[in-house]
Protein backbone atom coordinates (compact mmCIF):
# COMPACT_ATOMS: atom_id res chain seq x y z
CA UNK A 1 -1.45 221.91 27.88
CA UNK A 2 2.17 221.46 26.87
CA UNK A 3 4.91 222.91 29.03
CA UNK A 4 8.42 223.60 27.83
CA UNK A 5 10.94 224.42 30.54
CA UNK A 6 14.27 225.89 29.47
CA UNK A 7 17.46 226.02 31.49
CA UNK A 8 21.17 226.56 31.04
CA UNK A 9 21.43 230.22 30.14
CA UNK A 10 23.86 232.60 31.78
CA UNK A 11 26.82 234.90 31.38
CA UNK A 12 29.80 233.61 29.43
CA UNK A 13 32.93 235.16 27.98
CA UNK A 14 33.48 235.33 24.22
CA UNK A 15 34.76 231.99 22.97
CA UNK A 16 33.05 230.13 25.78
CA UNK A 17 30.35 227.46 25.72
CA UNK A 18 26.90 226.90 27.14
CA UNK A 19 24.36 224.12 26.83
CA UNK A 20 20.67 224.97 26.88
CA UNK A 21 18.06 222.37 27.79
CA UNK A 22 14.35 222.27 27.00
CA UNK A 23 12.30 219.71 28.89
CA UNK A 24 8.86 218.95 27.46
CA UNK A 25 5.87 217.80 29.51
CA UNK A 26 5.06 215.08 27.00
CA UNK A 27 6.86 212.87 24.52
CA UNK A 28 8.87 214.87 22.02
CA UNK A 29 7.80 212.35 19.37
CA UNK A 30 4.35 213.96 19.58
CA UNK A 31 5.79 217.04 17.88
CA UNK A 32 6.52 217.55 14.21
CA UNK A 33 9.57 219.58 15.13
CA UNK A 34 11.27 221.28 18.03
CA UNK A 35 13.59 224.21 17.81
CA UNK A 36 15.46 227.02 19.44
CA UNK A 37 14.78 230.65 18.60
CA UNK A 38 16.42 233.78 19.92
CA UNK A 39 15.43 237.39 20.31
CA UNK A 40 17.69 240.31 21.09
CA UNK A 41 16.25 243.63 22.37
CA UNK A 42 14.55 245.53 19.58
CA UNK A 43 14.90 242.66 17.13
CA UNK A 44 12.62 239.97 15.80
CA UNK A 45 12.64 236.45 17.10
CA UNK A 46 14.59 234.25 14.70
CA UNK A 47 15.20 230.54 14.29
CA UNK A 48 18.55 229.27 15.57
CA UNK A 49 18.27 225.52 15.09
CA UNK A 50 15.58 222.92 14.53
CA UNK A 51 15.18 219.16 14.82
CA UNK A 52 12.32 217.33 13.18
CA UNK A 53 10.67 214.08 14.21
CA UNK A 54 12.95 212.01 11.97
CA UNK A 55 15.99 213.45 13.75
CA UNK A 56 17.16 215.63 10.88
CA UNK A 57 18.51 218.98 11.96
CA UNK A 58 19.02 222.41 10.48
CA UNK A 59 20.49 225.64 11.75
CA UNK A 60 20.89 229.28 10.86
CA UNK A 61 23.95 230.23 8.84
CA UNK A 62 25.13 232.49 11.66
CA UNK A 63 25.56 229.54 14.03
CA UNK A 64 26.60 226.75 11.67
CA UNK A 65 29.67 224.96 12.92
CA UNK A 66 29.26 226.45 16.41
CA UNK A 67 25.82 225.38 17.67
CA UNK A 68 24.40 221.87 17.69
CA UNK A 69 20.82 220.82 18.42
CA UNK A 70 20.17 217.34 19.77
CA UNK A 71 17.57 215.44 21.75
CA UNK A 72 17.25 212.79 24.44
CA UNK A 73 14.05 210.92 23.70
CA UNK A 74 13.95 209.16 27.06
CA UNK A 75 14.11 212.48 28.90
CA UNK A 76 11.80 214.33 26.49
CA UNK A 77 14.49 216.96 26.29
CA UNK A 78 16.06 218.96 23.47
CA UNK A 79 19.47 220.56 23.85
CA UNK A 80 21.35 223.37 22.20
CA UNK A 81 25.11 223.09 22.57
CA UNK A 82 26.65 226.48 21.91
CA UNK A 83 30.39 226.74 21.36
CA UNK A 84 32.66 229.60 20.33
CA UNK A 85 30.10 232.09 21.58
CA UNK A 86 30.24 235.65 20.31
CA UNK A 87 28.82 238.88 21.74
CA UNK A 88 26.28 238.91 18.92
CA UNK A 89 24.85 235.64 20.26
CA UNK A 90 23.54 237.60 23.25
CA UNK A 91 19.75 237.19 23.35
CA UNK A 92 16.87 235.51 25.08
CA UNK A 93 16.64 231.96 23.78
CA UNK A 94 13.25 230.28 23.45
CA UNK A 95 12.36 226.65 22.99
CA UNK A 96 9.57 225.92 20.51
CA UNK A 97 7.55 222.81 19.77
CA UNK A 98 5.23 222.38 16.82
CA UNK A 99 2.39 219.87 17.12
CA UNK A 100 0.91 217.89 14.24
CA UNK A 101 -2.30 219.86 14.86
CA UNK A 102 -0.51 223.06 13.94
CA UNK A 103 -0.38 224.35 17.50
CA UNK A 104 2.84 226.03 18.55
CA UNK A 105 4.21 225.97 22.07
CA UNK A 106 6.87 228.20 23.61
CA UNK A 107 9.01 228.10 26.68
CA UNK A 108 9.50 231.08 28.97
CA UNK A 109 12.93 231.91 27.58
CA UNK A 110 16.42 231.82 29.03
CA UNK A 111 18.90 234.67 28.84
CA UNK A 112 22.31 234.18 27.24
CA UNK A 113 24.81 237.00 27.62
CA UNK A 114 28.21 236.84 25.96
CA UNK A 115 30.50 239.50 27.35
CA UNK A 116 33.97 239.97 28.73
């Protein structure tokens, strides 16, 4: 069973920064891709940013230029650096890992609130 443990959420003012971390219980090279999703109340869960096994990254248009996904292979950890945060970034952020088998794994979620 794979465990993904997120951390780093919190309350931040507009324009501020946060870094989310997602620690996996096994090597992140065992996954096809890892990513961050977010879900605001009453809305669907949507992809924020993704990193695939080769290291290539992609992100949603709404966060391009502000959010950066990266990984530390030695720590089996994926990060989401979030800069220039806006109130509309407020959501629960979830870490996701996709295995080569097709199985999908999710973290428990971490709350990010952007408010003055």
